[in-house]
């Protein structure tokens, strides 16, 4: 996911905008393919931004 974020930022988006764009894509994909909703969540959550303050795994 870092590679995708970097590519979006290279196109002029801020890091926050890049993550928001990915969120929009994730939600769009879930709407179009609801049967894969769980798999899509797992894929995007695995590679999403990490919470620095979270000390629990």
PDB file of N, CA and C in Angstrom:
ATOM      1  N   UNK A   1       0.816  -1.184   0.000  1.00  0.00           N
ATOM      2  CA  UNK A   1       0.000   0.000   0.000  1.00  0.00           C
ATOM      3  C   UNK A   1       0.866   1.256   0.000  1.00  0.00           C
ATOM      4  N   UNK A   2       2.032   1.159   0.619  1.00  0.00           N
ATOM      5  CA  UNK A   2       2.923   2.321   0.645  1.00  0.00           C
ATOM      6  C   UNK A   2       3.284   2.764  -0.768  1.00  0.00           C
ATOM      7  N   UNK A   3       3.463   1.801  -1.656  1.00  0.00           N
ATOM      8  CA  UNK A   3       3.801   2.126  -3.037  1.00  0.00           C
ATOM      9  C   UNK A   3       2.661   2.900  -3.699  1.00  0.00           C
ATOM     10  N   UNK A   4       1.445   2.472  -3.448  1.00  0.00           N
ATOM     11  CA  UNK A   4       0.289   3.167  -4.014  1.00  0.00           C
ATOM     12  C   UNK A   4       0.171   4.579  -3.442  1.00  0.00           C
ATOM     13  N   UNK A   5       0.375   4.719  -2.143  1.00  0.00           N
ATOM     14  CA  UNK A   5       0.334   6.044  -1.521  1.00  0.00           C
ATOM     15  C   UNK A   5       1.397   6.941  -2.147  1.00  0.00           C
ATOM     16  N   UNK A   6       2.596   6.418  -2.319  1.00  0.00           N
ATOM     17  CA  UNK A   6       3.686   7.198  -2.923  1.00  0.00           C
ATOM     18  C   UNK A   6       3.347   7.602  -4.356  1.00  0.00           C
ATOM     19  N   UNK A   7       2.728   6.713  -5.101  1.00  0.00           N
ATOM     20  CA  UNK A   7       2.346   7.045  -6.484  1.00  0.00           C
ATOM     21  C   UNK A   7       1.303   8.153  -6.520  1.00  0.00           C
ATOM     22  N   UNK A   8       0.327   8.060  -5.624  1.00  0.00           N
ATOM     23  CA  UNK A   8      -0.689   9.103  -5.570  1.00  0.00           C
ATOM     24  C   UNK A   8      -0.078  10.442  -5.155  1.00  0.00           C
ATOM     25  N   UNK A   9       0.855  10.396  -4.216  1.00  0.00           N
ATOM     26  CA  UNK A   9       1.516  11.626  -3.782  1.00  0.00           C
ATOM     27  C   UNK A   9       2.386  12.198  -4.902  1.00  0.00           C
ATOM     28  N   UNK A  10       2.978  11.335  -5.712  1.00  0.00           N
ATOM     29  CA  UNK A  10       3.785  11.797  -6.847  1.00  0.00           C
ATOM     30  C   UNK A  10       2.913  12.516  -7.879  1.00  0.00           C
ATOM     31  N   UNK A  11       1.622  12.219  -7.866  1.00  0.00           N
ATOM     32  CA  UNK A  11       0.688  12.875  -8.780  1.00  0.00           C
ATOM     33  C   UNK A  11       0.132  14.175  -8.206  1.00  0.00           C
ATOM     34  N   UNK A  12       0.614  14.555  -7.028  1.00  0.00           N
ATOM     35  CA  UNK A  12       0.231  15.845  -6.463  1.00  0.00           C
ATOM     36  C   UNK A  12      -0.709  15.796  -5.273  1.00  0.00           C
ATOM     37  N   UNK A  13      -1.100  14.600  -4.835  1.00  0.00           N
ATOM     38  CA  UNK A  13      -1.969  14.512  -3.664  1.00  0.00           C
ATOM     39  C   UNK A  13      -1.139  14.566  -2.386  1.00  0.00           C
ATOM     40  N   UNK A  14      -1.744  15.093  -1.340  1.00  0.00           N
ATOM     41  CA  UNK A  14      -1.095  15.019  -0.033  1.00  0.00           C
ATOM     42  C   UNK A  14      -1.279  13.592   0.484  1.00  0.00           C
ATOM     43  N   UNK A  15      -0.555  13.254   1.546  1.00  0.00           N
ATOM     44  CA  UNK A  15      -0.694  11.915   2.111  1.00  0.00           C
ATOM     45  C   UNK A  15      -2.130  11.677   2.581  1.00  0.00           C
ATOM     46  N   UNK A  16      -2.711  12.675   3.212  1.00  0.00           N
ATOM     47  CA  UNK A  16      -4.092  12.563   3.678  1.00  0.00           C
ATOM     48  C   UNK A  16      -5.057  12.357   2.510  1.00  0.00           C
ATOM     49  N   UNK A  17      -4.858  13.091   1.434  1.00  0.00           N
ATOM     50  CA  UNK A  17      -5.706  12.941   0.256  1.00  0.00           C
ATOM     51  C   UNK A  17      -5.537  11.560  -0.373  1.00  0.00           C
ATOM     52  N   UNK A  18      -4.313  11.056  -0.387  1.00  0.00           N
ATOM     53  CA  UNK A  18      -4.043   9.741  -0.961  1.00  0.00           C
ATOM     54  C   UNK A  18      -4.781   8.658  -0.180  1.00  0.00           C
ATOM     55  N   UNK A  19      -4.720   8.729   1.155  1.00  0.00           N
ATOM     56  CA  UNK A  19      -5.435   7.751   1.972  1.00  0.00           C
ATOM     57  C   UNK A  19      -6.942   7.873   1.774  1.00  0.00           C
ATOM     58  N   UNK A  20      -7.436   9.094   1.628  1.00  0.00           N
ATOM     59  CA  UNK A  20      -8.865   9.305   1.396  1.00  0.00           C
ATOM     60  C   UNK A  20      -9.280   8.729   0.043  1.00  0.00           C
ATOM     61  N   UNK A  21      -8.445   8.902  -0.967  1.00  0.00           N
ATOM     62  CA  UNK A  21      -8.737   8.343  -2.288  1.00  0.00           C
ATOM     63  C   UNK A  21      -8.839   6.819  -2.219  1.00  0.00           C
ATOM     64  N   UNK A  22      -7.945   6.203  -1.477  1.00  0.00           N
ATOM     65  CA  UNK A  22      -7.975   4.751  -1.332  1.00  0.00           C
ATOM     66  C   UNK A  22      -9.242   4.327  -0.590  1.00  0.00           C
ATOM     67  N   UNK A  23      -9.654   5.093   0.398  1.00  0.00           N
ATOM     68  CA  UNK A  23     -10.888   4.795   1.125  1.00  0.00           C
ATOM     69  C   UNK A  23     -12.087   4.849   0.197  1.00  0.00           C
ATOM     70  N   UNK A  24     -12.119   5.832  -0.692  1.00  0.00           N
ATOM     71  CA  UNK A  24     -13.214   5.957  -1.658  1.00  0.00           C
ATOM     72  C   UNK A  24     -13.219   4.747  -2.591  1.00  0.00           C
ATOM     73  N   UNK A  25     -12.057   4.348  -3.060  1.00  0.00           N
ATOM     74  CA  UNK A  25     -11.950   3.187  -3.946  1.00  0.00           C
ATOM     75  C   UNK A  25     -12.414   1.926  -3.225  1.00  0.00           C
ATOM     76  N   UNK A  26     -11.991   1.778  -1.981  1.00  0.00           N
ATOM     77  CA  UNK A  26     -12.396   0.625  -1.176  1.00  0.00           C
ATOM     78  C   UNK A  26     -13.920   0.558  -1.064  1.00  0.00           C
ATOM     79  N   UNK A  27     -14.550   1.661  -0.710  1.00  0.00           N
ATOM     80  CA  UNK A  27     -16.001   1.683  -0.548  1.00  0.00           C
ATOM     81  C   UNK A  27     -16.730   1.450  -1.866  1.00  0.00           C
ATOM     82  N   UNK A  28     -16.225   2.009  -2.941  1.00  0.00           N
ATOM     83  CA  UNK A  28     -16.812   1.807  -4.265  1.00  0.00           C
ATOM     84  C   UNK A  28     -16.749   0.335  -4.647  1.00  0.00           C
ATOM     85  N   UNK A  29     -15.601  -0.281  -4.419  1.00  0.00           N
ATOM     86  CA  UNK A  29     -15.419  -1.686  -4.755  1.00  0.00           C
ATOM     87  C   UNK A  29     -16.364  -2.570  -3.949  1.00  0.00           C
ATOM     88  N   UNK A  30     -16.533  -2.254  -2.672  1.00  0.00           N
ATOM     89  CA  UNK A  30     -17.446  -3.023  -1.830  1.00  0.00           C
ATOM     90  C   UNK A  30     -18.896  -2.893  -2.306  1.00  0.00           C
ATOM     91  N   UNK A  31     -19.270  -1.709  -2.795  1.00  0.00           N
ATOM     92  CA  UNK A  31     -20.622  -1.511  -3.319  1.00  0.00           C
ATOM     93  C   UNK A  31     -20.847  -2.324  -4.588  1.00  0.00           C
ATOM     94  N   UNK A  32     -19.867  -2.352  -5.449  1.00  0.00           N
ATOM     95  CA  UNK A  32     -19.994  -3.045  -6.732  1.00  0.00           C
ATOM     96  C   UNK A  32     -19.882  -4.560  -6.594  1.00  0.00           C
ATOM     97  N   UNK A  33     -19.120  -5.019  -5.598  1.00  0.00           N
ATOM     98  CA  UNK A  33     -18.887  -6.442  -5.398  1.00  0.00           C
ATOM     99  C   UNK A  33     -19.148  -6.817  -3.935  1.00  0.00           C
ATOM    100  N   UNK A  34     -20.402  -6.717  -3.496  1.00  0.00           N
ATOM    101  CA  UNK A  34     -20.702  -6.943  -2.077  1.00  0.00           C
ATOM    102  C   UNK A  34     -20.336  -8.344  -1.591  1.00  0.00           C
ATOM    103  N   UNK A  35     -20.331  -9.310  -2.474  1.00  0.00           N
ATOM    104  CA  UNK A  35     -19.977 -10.669  -2.071  1.00  0.00           C
ATOM    105  C   UNK A  35     -18.529 -10.750  -1.584  1.00  0.00           C
ATOM    106  N   UNK A  36     -17.684  -9.826  -2.029  1.00  0.00           N
ATOM    107  CA  UNK A  36     -16.278  -9.805  -1.643  1.00  0.00           C
ATOM    108  C   UNK A  36     -15.980  -8.768  -0.561  1.00  0.00           C
ATOM    109  N   UNK A  37     -17.012  -8.240   0.060  1.00  0.00           N
ATOM    110  CA  UNK A  37     -16.854  -7.167   1.033  1.00  0.00           C
ATOM    111  C   UNK A  37     -15.867  -7.505   2.150  1.00  0.00           C
ATOM    112  N   UNK A  38     -15.975  -8.696   2.713  1.00  0.00           N
ATOM    113  CA  UNK A  38     -15.070  -9.099   3.791  1.00  0.00           C
ATOM    114  C   UNK A  38     -13.629  -9.177   3.331  1.00  0.00           C
ATOM    115  N   UNK A  39     -13.420  -9.743   2.153  1.00  0.00           N
ATOM    116  CA  UNK A  39     -12.062  -9.857   1.615  1.00  0.00           C
ATOM    117  C   UNK A  39     -11.480  -8.482   1.300  1.00  0.00           C
ATOM    118  N   UNK A  40     -12.306  -7.602   0.790  1.00  0.00           N
ATOM    119  CA  UNK A  40     -11.849  -6.240   0.476  1.00  0.00           C
ATOM    120  C   UNK A  40     -11.445  -5.516   1.754  1.00  0.00           C
ATOM    121  N   UNK A  41     -12.251  -5.658   2.813  1.00  0.00           N
ATOM    122  CA  UNK A  41     -11.908  -5.030   4.093  1.00  0.00           C
ATOM    123  C   UNK A  41     -10.570  -5.552   4.606  1.00  0.00           C
ATOM    124  N   UNK A  42     -10.387  -6.855   4.568  1.00  0.00           N
ATOM    125  CA  UNK A  42      -9.134  -7.442   5.054  1.00  0.00           C
ATOM    126  C   UNK A  42      -7.944  -6.951   4.244  1.00  0.00           C
ATOM    127  N   UNK A  43      -8.102  -6.883   2.929  1.00  0.00           N
ATOM    128  CA  UNK A  43      -7.011  -6.427   2.071  1.00  0.00           C
ATOM    129  C   UNK A  43      -6.623  -4.988   2.386  1.00  0.00           C
ATOM    130  N   UNK A  44      -7.599  -4.110   2.430  1.00  0.00           N
ATOM    131  CA  UNK A  44      -7.306  -2.706   2.654  1.00  0.00           C
ATOM    132  C   UNK A  44      -6.892  -2.417   4.094  1.00  0.00           C
ATOM    133  N   UNK A  45      -7.503  -3.101   5.061  1.00  0.00           N
ATOM    134  CA  UNK A  45      -7.137  -2.885   6.460  1.00  0.00           C
ATOM    135  C   UNK A  45      -5.722  -3.347   6.743  1.00  0.00           C
ATOM    136  N   UNK A  46      -5.316  -4.420   6.106  1.00  0.00           N
ATOM    137  CA  UNK A  46      -3.959  -4.945   6.297  1.00  0.00           C
ATOM    138  C   UNK A  46      -2.915  -3.931   5.858  1.00  0.00           C
ATOM    139  N   UNK A  47      -3.214  -3.208   4.791  1.00  0.00           N
ATOM    140  CA  UNK A  47      -2.236  -2.286   4.238  1.00  0.00           C
ATOM    141  C   UNK A  47      -2.580  -0.821   4.474  1.00  0.00           C
ATOM    142  N   UNK A  48      -3.513  -0.556   5.354  1.00  0.00           N
ATOM    143  CA  UNK A  48      -3.915   0.816   5.643  1.00  0.00           C
ATOM    144  C   UNK A  48      -2.928   1.513   6.558  1.00  0.00           C
ATOM    145  N   UNK A  49      -3.185   2.760   6.869  1.00  0.00           N
ATOM    146  CA  UNK A  49      -2.295   3.506   7.769  1.00  0.00           C
ATOM    147  C   UNK A  49      -2.299   2.888   9.152  1.00  0.00           C
ATOM    148  N   UNK A  50      -1.174   2.919   9.813  1.00  0.00           N
ATOM    149  CA  UNK A  50      -1.029   2.348  11.152  1.00  0.00           C
ATOM    150  C   UNK A  50      -1.248   3.442  12.193  1.00  0.00           C
ATOM    151  N   UNK A  51      -1.839   3.058  13.307  1.00  0.00           N
ATOM    152  CA  UNK A  51      -2.036   3.985  14.421  1.00  0.00           C
ATOM    153  C   UNK A  51      -0.779   3.975  15.274  1.00  0.00           C
ATOM    154  N   UNK A  52      -0.082   5.086  15.345  1.00  0.00           N
ATOM    155  CA  UNK A  52       1.157   5.178  16.115  1.00  0.00           C
ATOM    156  C   UNK A  52       0.918   5.067  17.613  1.00  0.00           C
ATOM    157  N   UNK A  53      -0.250   5.493  18.077  1.00  0.00           N
ATOM    158  CA  UNK A  53      -0.534   5.508  19.495  1.00  0.00           C
ATOM    159  C   UNK A  53      -1.049   4.158  20.021  1.00  0.00           C
ATOM    160  N   UNK A  54      -1.329   3.229  19.159  1.00  0.00           N
ATOM    161  CA  UNK A  54      -1.893   1.954  19.564  1.00  0.00           C
ATOM    162  C   UNK A  54      -0.784   1.013  20.023  1.00  0.00           C
ATOM    163  N   UNK A  55      -0.786   0.690  21.302  1.00  0.00           N
ATOM    164  CA  UNK A  55       0.256  -0.181  21.840  1.00  0.00           C
ATOM    165  C   UNK A  55      -0.181  -1.630  21.902  1.00  0.00           C
ATOM    166  N   UNK A  56      -1.443  -1.906  21.612  1.00  0.00           N
ATOM    167  CA  UNK A  56      -1.949  -3.280  21.613  1.00  0.00           C
ATOM    168  C   UNK A  56      -1.924  -3.810  20.192  1.00  0.00           C
ATOM    169  N   UNK A  57      -1.475  -5.052  19.993  1.00  0.00           N
ATOM    170  CA  UNK A  57      -1.471  -5.620  18.624  1.00  0.00           C
ATOM    171  C   UNK A  57      -2.841  -5.907  18.117  1.00  0.00           C
TER     172      UNK A  57
END
